[in-house]
Amino acid sequence: MVKIYENNNDGNVITIDSLNLWYGENQALIDVSMPVMKNKITALIGPSGCGKSTLIRCMNRMNDLVNGCRIEGSMKFRGDEIYEPGADVISLRKRIGMIFQKPNPFPMTIRDNITYGPKIHGVVENDELDEIVERSLKQAVLWEEVKDRLDKPAFSLSGGQQQRLCIARTLSINPEVILMDEPTSALDPIATAKIEDLAIELQKEYTVVIVTHNMQQAARISDNTGFMYLGKMIEFDETEKIFNKPSDELTERYITGRFG
C-alpha cells in the first residue's frame, strides 16, 4: 500500500508517481510511487537487485551517467519535474547530495575535501571557506577529531571518519536532501552507530533518504520505509507500521525472515 501524502502538513520534498526505468531492454523500476517527506528519514529496504539504489540515483539524476538508461513517469522536487527537458542538473545535484556505499574522499587534504564544492560554486574568500570547513565538520561530528590536522591527507582517516568526511563534504554546499546509499555497509559497528546517530541529528535541518540491507537499521532511525522487490514498490508506510503491521504479505515475509 503506497501512500503519497499529497496534503500532509510537512509537505513532500520529492514526490514520485508511476516511475519506470530501463537499462537498455531491462526494466529496473516498475510503476514506483512514493513520497520523500521534509525533515524525515526515509528508508528503502529489500533484497539485493530490487531497485533501491537505482531509485535514489534517479533523485539527483546520477542515472544520467549510465548509457542506455531511459525513464518514464513523474519525479518532482519541490513541485518541479526533475526530468523536465532543460532542467539544471548541476543545481539539482547541489540541492540533493549523495553519500555512497564506500567512503570516497578525494585524494587531497581534509580541508580541501570540504572546500572543493564551495569553490566550484564561487566561494573564494578564505575566511568564508574556513567557516564552511568548521561548520560542515561540526555537523558531521568530526571537527574535534580532525581540527588539528586539516592539512593532512583525507586517506589518513579511518573508514568511519572518511565516511563522515564525505558527509561533511556534502553538507559544505548546503543541500536540502541527503541521499545515503548503504553508507555503513563497509563500517564496523561503532562507526555504524556514529553514522546512524548523525543521520538522526541531520534530519533536524535536512531531509534524508537511506538505502539499507539492514532492517534493524531502518527500524532504528527511519520515519518512513519503502519495501521494494523486483523493481516494484511493494509497500510504503510509516516505519512502525511496516515493521509491526505490514499490509502486504510479501512485506511481512521479508520482515520476519520467511522470504525466499
Protein backbone atom coordinates (compact mmCIF):
# COMPACT_ATOMS: atom_id res chain seq x y z
CA MET A 1 0.00 0.00 0.00
CA VAL A 2 1.67 3.22 -1.16
CA LYS A 3 0.64 6.47 0.46
CA ILE A 4 1.64 9.64 -1.39
CA TYR A 5 0.71 12.00 1.48
CA GLU A 6 -0.18 14.73 -1.02
CA ASN A 7 -1.59 17.17 1.56
CA ASN A 8 0.42 16.38 4.69
CA ASN A 9 1.42 19.29 6.90
CA ASP A 10 5.14 18.85 6.35
CA GLY A 11 4.86 18.61 2.58
CA ASN A 12 6.78 16.37 0.22
CA VAL A 13 10.24 17.41 -0.84
CA ILE A 14 10.19 14.74 -3.55
CA THR A 15 7.07 13.08 -4.98
CA ILE A 16 7.44 10.03 -7.23
CA ASP A 17 4.50 8.82 -9.29
CA SER A 18 4.45 5.81 -11.62
CA LEU A 19 8.19 5.91 -12.29
CA ASN A 20 9.58 3.38 -14.75
CA LEU A 21 13.24 2.94 -15.65
CA TRP A 22 15.02 0.77 -18.21
CA TYR A 23 18.69 -0.06 -18.68
CA GLY A 24 18.57 -0.97 -22.33
CA GLU A 25 15.92 -3.69 -22.61
CA ASN A 26 15.97 -4.47 -18.88
CA GLN A 27 13.30 -2.74 -16.81
CA ALA A 28 14.75 -1.98 -13.37
CA LEU A 29 11.90 0.10 -11.89
CA ILE A 30 8.22 -0.67 -12.46
CA ASP A 31 5.49 1.89 -11.67
CA VAL A 32 7.19 3.11 -8.47
CA SER A 33 5.32 5.71 -6.42
CA MET A 34 6.36 7.18 -3.06
CA PRO A 35 6.89 10.47 -1.23
CA VAL A 36 10.01 11.82 0.42
CA MET A 37 8.80 13.97 3.29
CA LYS A 38 10.51 17.09 4.63
CA ASN A 39 12.83 16.63 7.63
CA LYS A 40 12.11 12.91 7.76
CA ILE A 41 14.37 9.90 7.29
CA THR A 42 13.02 7.64 4.56
CA ALA A 43 14.50 4.13 4.37
CA LEU A 44 14.40 1.82 1.35
CA ILE A 45 14.72 -1.89 2.13
CA GLY A 46 14.57 -5.05 0.07
CA PRO A 47 16.81 -7.81 -1.30
CA SER A 48 19.83 -7.11 -3.49
CA GLY A 49 18.96 -6.10 -7.02
CA CYS A 50 15.43 -4.95 -6.22
CA GLY A 51 15.98 -1.36 -7.44
CA LYS A 52 16.70 0.55 -4.22
CA SER A 53 19.95 2.16 -5.35
CA THR A 54 18.58 2.73 -8.84
CA LEU A 55 15.66 4.64 -7.33
CA ILE A 56 17.70 7.04 -5.21
CA ARG A 57 20.10 7.62 -8.11
CA CYS A 58 17.09 8.92 -10.02
CA MET A 59 16.57 11.59 -7.37
CA ASN A 60 19.69 13.54 -8.34
CA ARG A 61 19.93 12.17 -11.88
CA MET A 62 23.01 10.03 -11.31
CA ASN A 63 21.47 7.54 -13.74
CA ASP A 64 22.08 10.09 -16.49
CA LEU A 65 25.64 8.76 -16.46
CA VAL A 66 24.51 5.23 -17.44
CA ASN A 67 24.36 4.52 -21.17
CA GLY A 68 21.01 3.24 -22.37
CA CYS A 69 19.09 4.47 -19.34
CA ARG A 70 15.50 5.54 -20.11
CA ILE A 71 12.97 6.93 -17.62
CA GLU A 72 9.23 7.48 -17.81
CA GLY A 73 6.79 8.77 -15.20
CA SER A 74 6.92 11.65 -12.75
CA MET A 75 9.52 12.62 -10.16
CA LYS A 76 9.08 16.10 -8.70
CA PHE A 77 11.43 18.03 -6.44
CA ARG A 78 9.76 20.97 -4.72
CA GLY A 79 6.97 20.68 -7.29
CA ASP A 80 9.26 20.80 -10.34
CA GLU A 81 9.83 17.82 -12.62
CA ILE A 82 13.38 16.53 -12.12
CA TYR A 83 13.47 15.12 -15.65
CA GLU A 84 11.96 18.14 -17.38
CA PRO A 85 13.88 18.93 -20.59
CA GLY A 86 16.33 21.72 -19.87
CA ALA A 87 16.38 21.11 -16.10
CA ASP A 88 19.52 22.41 -14.37
CA VAL A 89 21.22 19.18 -13.30
CA ILE A 90 24.17 20.95 -11.64
CA SER A 91 21.80 22.93 -9.43
CA LEU A 92 19.80 19.77 -8.69
CA ARG A 93 22.89 17.89 -7.51
CA LYS A 94 23.85 20.82 -5.30
CA ARG A 95 20.43 20.67 -3.63
CA ILE A 96 20.31 16.86 -3.47
CA GLY A 97 23.64 15.48 -2.23
CA MET A 98 24.71 11.85 -2.15
CA ILE A 99 26.77 9.61 0.14
CA PHE A 100 27.96 6.35 -1.42
CA GLN A 101 28.38 2.82 -0.10
CA LYS A 102 32.13 3.06 0.38
CA PRO A 103 33.84 6.23 1.65
CA ASN A 104 35.22 8.09 -1.35
CA PRO A 105 37.26 11.06 -0.11
CA PHE A 106 39.16 12.97 -2.75
CA PRO A 107 42.96 12.38 -2.86
CA MET A 108 43.68 15.70 -1.16
CA THR A 109 43.73 17.17 2.32
CA ILE A 110 40.84 17.06 4.77
CA ARG A 111 40.37 20.82 4.33
CA ASP A 112 40.46 20.65 0.54
CA ASN A 113 37.83 17.90 0.52
CA ILE A 114 35.45 20.30 2.26
CA THR A 115 36.30 23.44 0.27
CA TYR A 116 36.23 21.73 -3.13
CA GLY A 117 32.47 22.10 -3.64
CA PRO A 118 32.11 25.66 -2.32
CA LYS A 119 34.97 26.81 -4.55
CA ILE A 120 33.27 25.30 -7.60
CA HIS A 121 30.14 27.26 -6.66
CA GLY A 122 32.03 30.54 -6.41
CA VAL A 123 33.18 30.86 -2.79
CA VAL A 124 36.70 32.33 -2.84
CA GLU A 125 37.22 34.21 0.44
CA ASN A 126 39.45 32.28 2.84
CA ASP A 127 37.52 33.42 5.91
CA GLU A 128 34.26 32.14 4.44
CA LEU A 129 35.89 28.87 3.39
CA ASP A 130 37.29 28.42 6.90
CA GLU A 131 33.80 28.94 8.35
CA ILE A 132 32.37 26.36 5.95
CA VAL A 133 35.06 23.83 6.90
CA GLU A 134 34.38 24.21 10.62
CA ARG A 135 30.59 24.24 10.26
CA SER A 136 30.49 21.20 7.98
CA LEU A 137 32.87 19.14 10.11
CA LYS A 138 30.94 20.03 13.27
CA GLN A 139 27.67 19.00 11.61
CA ALA A 140 29.30 15.70 10.67
CA VAL A 141 30.57 15.30 14.26
CA LEU A 142 34.16 15.15 13.02
CA TRP A 143 35.56 18.58 13.94
CA GLU A 144 37.03 17.63 17.32
CA GLU A 145 38.79 14.63 15.79
CA VAL A 146 40.45 16.46 12.87
CA LYS A 147 40.65 20.18 13.74
CA ASP A 148 44.39 19.95 14.39
CA ARG A 149 45.19 18.05 11.19
CA LEU A 150 43.09 19.69 8.50
CA ASP A 151 46.09 19.76 6.14
CA LYS A 152 46.72 16.02 6.46
CA PRO A 153 45.61 13.67 3.66
CA ALA A 154 41.99 12.53 3.88
CA PHE A 155 43.16 8.95 3.42
CA SER A 156 44.93 9.14 6.80
CA LEU A 157 41.49 8.92 8.45
CA SER A 158 39.79 5.69 9.48
CA GLY A 159 36.99 4.26 7.36
CA GLY A 160 34.29 5.66 9.63
CA GLN A 161 35.98 9.07 9.73
CA GLN A 162 36.30 9.06 5.94
CA GLN A 163 32.56 8.43 5.61
CA ARG A 164 31.78 11.31 7.99
CA LEU A 165 34.20 13.46 5.96
CA CYS A 166 32.19 12.61 2.84
CA ILE A 167 29.04 13.65 4.67
CA ALA A 168 30.74 16.91 5.70
CA ARG A 169 31.79 17.44 2.08
CA THR A 170 28.16 17.05 1.02
CA LEU A 171 26.98 19.45 3.74
CA SER A 172 29.51 22.09 2.67
CA ILE A 173 27.30 23.17 -0.25
CA ASN A 174 24.09 23.38 1.81
CA PRO A 175 21.92 20.68 0.22
CA GLU A 176 18.25 20.22 1.06
CA VAL A 177 18.22 16.43 0.67
CA ILE A 178 20.92 13.90 1.57
CA LEU A 179 20.83 10.55 -0.20
CA MET A 180 22.70 7.72 1.55
CA ASP A 181 23.34 4.53 -0.43
CA GLU A 182 24.30 1.81 2.08
CA PRO A 183 26.51 4.30 3.97
CA THR A 184 27.50 1.88 6.75
CA SER A 185 27.94 -1.40 4.85
CA ALA A 186 31.75 -1.10 4.91
CA LEU A 187 31.97 0.10 8.53
CA ASP A 188 32.35 -1.61 11.88
CA PRO A 189 29.52 -1.47 14.48
CA ILE A 190 30.97 1.52 16.35
CA ALA A 191 31.38 3.58 13.17
CA THR A 192 27.93 2.45 12.03
CA ALA A 193 26.36 3.71 15.25
CA LYS A 194 28.02 7.11 14.76
CA ILE A 195 26.63 7.40 11.22
CA GLU A 196 23.15 6.40 12.43
CA ASP A 197 23.27 8.98 15.24
CA LEU A 198 24.47 11.55 12.72
CA ALA A 199 21.59 10.79 10.33
CA ILE A 200 19.08 11.31 13.15
CA GLU A 201 20.72 14.63 14.03
CA LEU A 202 20.83 15.78 10.40
CA GLN A 203 17.10 15.33 9.89
CA LYS A 204 16.52 18.39 12.07
CA GLU A 205 17.85 20.50 9.18
CA TYR A 206 17.81 18.18 6.17
CA THR A 207 15.70 15.51 4.51
CA VAL A 208 17.42 12.12 4.45
CA VAL A 209 16.87 9.07 2.23
CA ILE A 210 18.82 5.92 3.11
CA VAL A 211 19.15 2.64 1.25
CA THR A 212 19.97 -0.22 3.62
CA HIS A 213 20.05 -4.01 3.68
CA ASN A 214 19.99 -3.78 7.46
CA MET A 215 16.35 -3.95 8.52
CA GLN A 216 17.28 -3.19 12.13
CA GLN A 217 18.95 -0.01 10.96
CA ALA A 218 15.83 1.05 9.07
CA ALA A 219 13.70 0.32 12.14
CA ARG A 220 16.06 2.27 14.42
CA ILE A 221 16.45 5.51 12.50
CA SER A 222 13.75 5.99 9.84
CA ASP A 223 10.34 7.64 9.97
CA ASN A 224 9.02 6.08 6.76
CA THR A 225 10.06 2.88 4.99
CA GLY A 226 9.56 1.54 1.48
CA PHE A 227 9.91 -2.19 0.78
CA MET A 228 10.98 -2.96 -2.80
CA TYR A 229 11.06 -6.24 -4.67
CA LEU A 230 11.89 -6.93 -8.33
CA GLY A 231 11.77 -3.25 -9.23
CA LYS A 232 8.39 -2.59 -7.60
CA MET A 233 7.47 -0.62 -4.50
CA ILE A 234 5.55 -3.34 -2.69
CA GLU A 235 4.64 -1.21 0.30
CA PHE A 236 5.42 2.27 1.62
CA ASP A 237 4.25 3.50 5.01
CA GLU A 238 5.35 4.74 8.40
CA THR A 239 8.25 2.63 9.63
CA GLU A 240 6.46 1.47 12.76
CA LYS A 241 3.58 0.12 10.68
CA ILE A 242 5.85 -1.53 8.12
CA PHE A 243 7.68 -3.46 10.83
CA ASN A 244 4.78 -4.17 13.17
CA LYS A 245 1.70 -4.46 10.97
CA PRO A 246 2.56 -4.52 7.26
CA SER A 247 -0.32 -4.53 4.80
CA ASP A 248 1.27 -6.79 2.20
CA GLU A 249 2.03 -10.47 2.82
CA LEU A 250 5.30 -10.19 0.88
CA THR A 251 6.45 -7.39 3.19
CA GLU A 252 5.59 -9.45 6.25
CA ARG A 253 7.53 -12.43 4.92
CA TYR A 254 10.59 -10.29 4.26
CA ILE A 255 10.43 -8.56 7.67
CA THR A 256 10.03 -11.85 9.53
CA GLY A 257 12.77 -13.67 7.65
CA ARG A 258 10.43 -16.07 5.84
CA PHE A 259 11.34 -14.62 2.46
CA GLY A 260 12.63 -16.66 -0.46
